[in-house]
Amino acid sequence: MILLSIARVLKFALQDFVRNFWVSLVTVIILTLSLFSINFLVSVNYLSQQAIKTIQDKIDLSLYLNTDAAEEAISSLKKELEGIAGVKDVTYISKAEALESFQAKHKDNKSLQDALREIGGNPLNPSLVVKTDELTVYSAIIDSLDKLNGHAIIESKNFDDHKNLLASMNVIAERARQAMILVSFIFIVITILVVFNAVRIAIYTHKKEIGIMKLVGASNSFVRLPFLAEAMIYALVSIIGVMAVFFPFIHLLQPYIAAFFNTPAVDLVAYFNSNIFIIFGLEFIGASLINVIASGIAVGKYVKV
């Protein structure tokens, strides 16, 4: 009996979806565009996080030490740095390692190579390089490093320029989050208005049928359910539509993304493929809930007749 009722509800919902085809099509297109905007912002958020990670991996908070610094003093300072909250790793770079890295980095710069030969020695200082996993704690670590005292072996610090960069990246990340919230809100409002009007039109075309159903004793839920089911059909078709459009879009976009980041590791297609059920599943649930709410509001006054 329950299965028969469910089958009838779905049958009525599908019949109404097809009967009002052009209204259904317009509704699905608008919902698909809204979902496309949401997924585009999900992509922007992913790419901004990858950009932050790329920059984070390149940020070095370096303390340059005196050339005659004792190993014991260096070890003591290194241990103190490792004890700072948020610090992932502290690497000691000797004078020889610093020179080797410098020469490799500037191997094509003949003037610098000639200058090093002219000097005849190693002008570089040993250093301690501080790394962390989280971009948000860099500022706190920089403040802690600024307060270091009692270490005469520290000759200079090289992290002042990172403060502006870190602030800019935090602003970008925050703007991306705000944009996602704003567009999500707009998506909710648009969805409610579109589905509300679509269901109102459907109710209007079935006005006499609804009246007859009420007269013969149909329950409120039996009258309401086909319209709620139709709202879920809108959500399902819209999700299928946005997947059909969005995946070819990101496949076309991926080569440009890889070229921009100069690494194949930033793969938008792989990100969506690995999270397809989470992303589109949550979007289907969210769209269904919003559609059902809008449909429930629209049909409410008719089930009271």
Protein backbone atom coordinates (compact mmCIF):
# COMPACT_ATOMS: atom_id res chain seq x y z
CA MET A 1 0.00 0.00 0.00
CA ILE A 2 2.79 2.39 0.91
CA LEU A 3 4.71 1.51 -2.25
CA LEU A 4 1.57 2.06 -4.31
CA SER A 5 1.07 5.50 -2.76
CA ILE A 6 4.71 6.42 -3.43
CA ALA A 7 4.37 5.24 -7.04
CA ARG A 8 1.24 7.38 -7.49
CA VAL A 9 2.93 10.44 -6.00
CA LEU A 10 5.95 10.02 -8.31
CA LYS A 11 3.67 9.41 -11.30
CA PHE A 12 1.70 12.62 -10.63
CA ALA A 13 4.92 14.56 -10.06
CA LEU A 14 6.49 13.35 -13.33
CA GLN A 15 3.28 13.97 -15.25
CA ASP A 16 3.13 17.54 -13.99
CA PHE A 17 6.84 18.03 -14.72
CA VAL A 18 6.23 17.00 -18.35
CA ARG A 19 2.84 18.72 -18.68
CA ASN A 20 4.34 22.09 -17.71
CA PHE A 21 7.50 21.35 -19.71
CA TRP A 22 8.49 24.91 -20.55
CA VAL A 23 8.02 26.10 -16.97
CA SER A 24 9.98 23.07 -15.76
CA LEU A 25 12.73 23.74 -18.33
CA VAL A 26 13.13 27.38 -17.32
CA THR A 27 13.17 26.38 -13.64
CA VAL A 28 15.82 23.71 -14.23
CA ILE A 29 17.98 26.08 -16.31
CA ILE A 30 17.93 28.77 -13.61
CA LEU A 31 18.71 26.23 -10.88
CA THR A 32 21.51 24.77 -13.03
CA LEU A 33 23.04 28.23 -13.50
CA SER A 34 22.83 28.85 -9.77
CA LEU A 35 24.53 25.53 -9.04
CA PHE A 36 27.14 26.28 -11.70
CA SER A 37 27.95 29.53 -9.85
CA ILE A 38 28.28 27.61 -6.59
CA ASN A 39 30.66 25.08 -8.17
CA PHE A 40 32.65 27.85 -9.82
CA LEU A 41 33.19 29.40 -6.38
CA VAL A 42 34.13 25.98 -4.98
CA SER A 43 36.77 25.89 -7.73
CA VAL A 44 37.99 29.39 -6.85
CA ASN A 45 38.24 28.39 -3.20
CA TYR A 46 40.24 25.26 -4.10
CA LEU A 47 42.61 27.24 -6.35
CA SER A 48 43.09 29.98 -3.74
CA GLN A 49 43.97 27.32 -1.15
CA GLN A 50 46.46 25.78 -3.58
CA ALA A 51 47.96 29.21 -4.27
CA ILE A 52 48.32 29.83 -0.54
CA LYS A 53 49.93 26.40 -0.09
CA THR A 54 52.35 27.09 -2.96
CA ILE A 55 53.37 30.42 -1.47
CA GLN A 56 53.56 28.91 2.00
CA ASP A 57 56.01 26.26 0.77
CA LYS A 58 58.23 29.02 -0.61
CA ILE A 59 58.20 31.24 2.48
CA ASP A 60 61.36 31.01 4.54
CA LEU A 61 61.64 32.69 7.92
CA SER A 62 65.40 32.86 8.20
CA LEU A 63 67.68 33.84 11.06
CA TYR A 64 71.20 34.56 9.81
CA LEU A 65 73.93 33.69 12.29
CA ASN A 66 77.42 34.97 12.91
CA THR A 67 80.04 33.20 10.84
CA ASP A 68 81.89 32.14 14.01
CA ALA A 69 78.79 30.93 15.87
CA ALA A 70 79.52 27.93 18.10
CA GLU A 71 77.70 24.67 17.43
CA GLU A 72 76.44 24.57 21.02
CA ALA A 73 74.89 28.04 20.72
CA ILE A 74 73.31 27.15 17.38
CA SER A 75 71.86 23.94 18.85
CA SER A 76 70.42 25.86 21.81
CA LEU A 77 68.78 28.46 19.54
CA LYS A 78 67.42 25.74 17.25
CA LYS A 79 65.83 23.98 20.21
CA GLU A 80 64.22 27.23 21.37
CA LEU A 81 62.79 27.87 17.90
CA GLU A 82 61.35 24.35 17.73
CA GLY A 83 59.50 25.07 20.97
CA ILE A 84 57.55 28.01 19.47
CA ALA A 85 53.87 27.14 18.94
CA GLY A 86 53.07 26.44 15.29
CA VAL A 87 56.63 25.71 14.18
CA LYS A 88 56.80 22.54 12.10
CA ASP A 89 60.50 22.33 11.38
CA VAL A 90 63.74 24.23 11.92
CA THR A 91 66.55 23.54 9.45
CA TYR A 92 70.19 24.49 9.96
CA ILE A 93 71.98 25.60 6.79
CA SER A 94 75.76 25.79 7.07
CA LYS A 95 77.98 28.26 5.22
CA ALA A 96 78.97 25.60 2.71
CA GLU A 97 75.35 24.57 2.07
CA ALA A 98 74.32 28.21 1.68
CA LEU A 99 77.08 28.79 -0.89
CA GLU A 100 76.19 25.63 -2.81
CA SER A 101 72.50 26.61 -2.93
CA PHE A 102 73.35 30.17 -4.00
CA GLN A 103 75.59 28.97 -6.82
CA ALA A 104 72.96 26.50 -8.06
CA LYS A 105 70.26 29.17 -7.99
CA HIS A 106 72.36 31.70 -9.90
CA LYS A 107 74.32 29.34 -12.10
CA ASP A 108 73.30 31.29 -15.23
CA ASN A 109 74.28 34.66 -13.77
CA LYS A 110 77.87 35.09 -14.95
CA SER A 111 78.44 38.39 -13.11
CA LEU A 112 77.51 36.89 -9.74
CA GLN A 113 79.66 33.85 -10.37
CA ASP A 114 82.59 36.11 -11.29
CA ALA A 115 82.01 38.21 -8.16
CA LEU A 116 82.19 35.10 -5.98
CA ARG A 117 85.46 34.09 -7.59
CA GLU A 118 86.83 37.60 -7.04
CA ILE A 119 86.02 37.43 -3.34
CA GLY A 120 87.87 34.18 -3.13
CA GLY A 121 85.98 32.87 -0.10
CA ASN A 122 82.52 32.18 1.21
CA PRO A 123 80.77 35.46 2.13
CA LEU A 124 77.52 33.82 3.18
CA ASN A 125 76.37 33.26 6.75
CA PRO A 126 74.96 30.09 8.27
CA SER A 127 71.26 30.30 9.02
CA LEU A 128 68.27 28.67 10.69
CA VAL A 129 65.16 28.35 8.49
CA VAL A 130 61.77 28.09 10.22
CA LYS A 131 58.82 26.30 8.55
CA THR A 132 55.18 25.75 9.52
CA ASP A 133 52.16 23.91 8.11
CA GLU A 134 49.61 26.66 8.64
CA LEU A 135 49.70 30.04 6.93
CA THR A 136 47.55 31.56 9.66
CA VAL A 137 50.20 31.06 12.34
CA TYR A 138 53.08 32.66 10.42
CA SER A 139 52.29 36.12 11.82
CA ALA A 140 52.35 34.77 15.39
CA ILE A 141 55.65 32.99 14.69
CA ILE A 142 57.14 36.17 13.22
CA ASP A 143 56.13 38.06 16.38
CA SER A 144 57.78 35.36 18.49
CA LEU A 145 60.96 35.54 16.41
CA ASP A 146 60.99 39.33 16.74
CA LYS A 147 61.02 38.95 20.52
CA LEU A 148 64.02 36.60 20.56
CA ASN A 149 66.77 37.99 22.72
CA GLY A 150 69.78 36.75 24.55
CA HIS A 151 71.25 35.13 21.46
CA ALA A 152 74.35 37.04 20.42
CA ILE A 153 74.89 34.66 17.50
CA ILE A 154 71.92 36.17 15.59
CA GLU A 155 73.32 38.64 13.09
CA SER A 156 70.14 39.48 11.12
CA LYS A 157 66.58 38.39 10.39
CA ASN A 158 64.92 38.00 7.00
CA PHE A 159 61.16 37.84 7.40
CA ASP A 160 59.90 41.41 7.58
CA ASP A 161 58.85 41.38 3.89
CA HIS A 162 56.66 38.34 4.49
CA LYS A 163 54.23 40.22 6.74
CA ASN A 164 52.61 42.12 3.87
CA LEU A 165 52.47 38.98 1.72
CA LEU A 166 50.85 36.98 4.50
CA ALA A 167 48.34 39.75 5.17
CA SER A 168 47.45 39.89 1.46
CA MET A 169 46.96 36.11 1.23
CA ASN A 170 44.75 36.11 4.33
CA VAL A 171 42.65 38.90 2.78
CA ILE A 172 42.29 36.91 -0.47
CA ALA A 173 41.23 33.78 1.42
CA GLU A 174 38.71 35.77 3.46
CA ARG A 175 37.30 37.45 0.33
CA ALA A 176 36.84 34.03 -1.28
CA ARG A 177 34.93 32.77 1.78
CA GLN A 178 32.75 35.89 1.84
CA ALA A 179 32.00 35.51 -1.87
CA MET A 180 30.93 31.89 -1.33
CA ILE A 181 28.59 32.92 1.49
CA LEU A 182 27.10 35.78 -0.56
CA VAL A 183 26.56 33.69 -3.70
CA SER A 184 25.11 30.86 -1.61
CA PHE A 185 22.61 33.30 -0.10
CA ILE A 186 21.70 34.63 -3.57
CA PHE A 187 21.34 31.04 -4.78
CA ILE A 188 18.93 30.25 -1.93
CA VAL A 189 16.80 33.34 -2.63
CA ILE A 190 16.68 32.67 -6.39
CA THR A 191 15.81 29.02 -5.84
CA ILE A 192 12.96 29.82 -3.46
CA LEU A 193 11.48 32.40 -5.84
CA VAL A 194 11.81 30.22 -8.95
CA VAL A 195 10.46 27.03 -7.39
CA PHE A 196 7.72 28.94 -5.57
CA ASN A 197 6.46 30.41 -8.84
CA ALA A 198 6.83 27.13 -10.75
CA VAL A 199 4.80 25.26 -8.14
CA ARG A 200 2.18 28.03 -8.04
CA ILE A 201 1.71 27.64 -11.79
CA ALA A 202 1.46 23.86 -11.38
CA ILE A 203 -1.10 24.28 -8.59
CA TYR A 204 -3.11 26.71 -10.72
CA THR A 205 -3.30 24.19 -13.59
CA HIS A 206 -4.47 21.53 -11.11
CA LYS A 207 -6.80 23.79 -9.15
CA LYS A 208 -9.97 21.91 -10.09
CA GLU A 209 -8.32 18.53 -9.53
CA ILE A 210 -7.14 19.61 -6.09
CA GLY A 211 -10.68 20.76 -5.23
CA ILE A 212 -12.15 17.42 -6.34
CA MET A 213 -9.49 15.48 -4.42
CA LYS A 214 -10.34 17.44 -1.29
CA LEU A 215 -14.07 16.84 -1.78
CA VAL A 216 -13.60 13.07 -2.05
CA GLY A 217 -11.57 13.03 1.15
CA ALA A 218 -7.96 13.13 0.01
CA SER A 219 -5.62 13.93 2.87
CA ASN A 220 -3.54 17.08 2.94
CA SER A 221 -0.35 15.03 2.58
CA PHE A 222 -1.65 13.21 -0.51
CA VAL A 223 -2.40 16.57 -2.17
CA ARG A 224 0.90 18.09 -1.08
CA LEU A 225 3.32 15.23 -1.79
CA PRO A 226 3.26 15.29 -5.62
CA PHE A 227 4.29 18.96 -5.58
CA LEU A 228 7.04 18.28 -3.03
CA ALA A 229 8.22 15.35 -5.16
CA GLU A 230 8.22 17.61 -8.21
CA ALA A 231 10.42 20.07 -6.33
CA MET A 232 12.90 17.25 -5.67
CA ILE A 233 12.79 16.31 -9.35
CA TYR A 234 13.80 19.90 -10.15
CA ALA A 235 16.80 19.48 -7.83
CA LEU A 236 17.79 16.10 -9.29
CA VAL A 237 17.57 17.23 -12.93
CA SER A 238 19.46 20.44 -12.08
CA ILE A 239 22.29 18.46 -10.45
CA ILE A 240 22.53 16.20 -13.50
CA GLY A 241 22.49 19.29 -15.72
CA VAL A 242 25.22 21.12 -13.83
CA MET A 243 27.43 18.00 -13.85
CA ALA A 244 26.92 17.65 -17.60
CA VAL A 245 28.01 21.27 -18.11
CA PHE A 246 30.59 21.78 -15.38
CA PHE A 247 32.87 18.80 -15.98
CA PRO A 248 33.55 19.66 -19.66
CA PHE A 249 34.14 23.24 -18.50
CA ILE A 250 36.84 22.33 -15.97
CA HIS A 251 38.42 19.88 -18.45
CA LEU A 252 38.87 22.81 -20.83
CA LEU A 253 40.15 25.01 -18.00
CA GLN A 254 42.63 22.53 -16.49
CA PRO A 255 45.54 23.03 -18.98
CA TYR A 256 45.50 26.78 -18.28
CA ILE A 257 45.44 26.16 -14.52
CA ALA A 258 48.40 23.76 -14.74
CA ALA A 259 50.32 26.30 -16.84
CA PHE A 260 49.53 29.14 -14.42
CA PHE A 261 50.68 27.22 -11.33
CA ASN A 262 53.50 25.61 -13.32
CA THR A 263 52.75 22.23 -11.77
CA PRO A 264 50.42 19.31 -12.62
CA ALA A 265 49.78 18.84 -8.88
CA VAL A 266 47.06 21.52 -8.95
CA ASP A 267 44.40 19.46 -10.71
CA LEU A 268 40.86 20.84 -10.58
CA VAL A 269 39.42 17.87 -12.47
CA ALA A 270 40.99 15.38 -10.05
CA TYR A 271 39.70 17.44 -7.11
CA PHE A 272 36.10 17.26 -8.34
CA ASN A 273 36.44 13.60 -9.32
CA SER A 274 37.68 12.64 -5.86
CA ASN A 275 35.00 14.71 -4.11
CA ILE A 276 32.14 14.20 -6.56
CA PHE A 277 29.79 12.50 -4.09
CA ILE A 278 30.48 14.99 -1.31
CA ILE A 279 30.18 18.13 -3.46
CA PHE A 280 27.21 17.18 -5.63
CA GLY A 281 25.57 15.09 -2.92
CA LEU A 282 25.52 18.05 -0.53
CA GLU A 283 24.32 20.32 -3.33
CA PHE A 284 21.48 17.91 -4.13
CA ILE A 285 20.46 17.70 -0.47
CA GLY A 286 20.63 21.48 -0.08
CA ALA A 287 18.75 22.17 -3.32
CA SER A 288 16.12 19.55 -2.44
CA LEU A 289 15.52 21.04 1.01
CA ILE A 290 15.23 24.57 -0.38
CA ASN A 291 12.93 23.40 -3.20
CA VAL A 292 10.72 21.44 -0.83
CA ILE A 293 10.43 24.44 1.51
CA ALA A 294 9.50 26.73 -1.39
CA SER A 295 7.04 24.16 -2.70
CA GLY A 296 5.52 23.67 0.75
CA ILE A 297 4.96 27.41 1.13
CA ALA A 298 3.33 27.65 -2.32
CA VAL A 299 0.97 24.71 -1.86
CA GLY A 300 0.12 25.45 1.77
CA LYS A 301 -3.00 27.53 1.21
CA TYR A 302 -4.55 25.02 -1.19
CA VAL A 303 -4.39 22.04 1.16
CA LYS A 304 -6.41 24.03 3.67
CA VAL A 305 -9.41 24.36 1.31
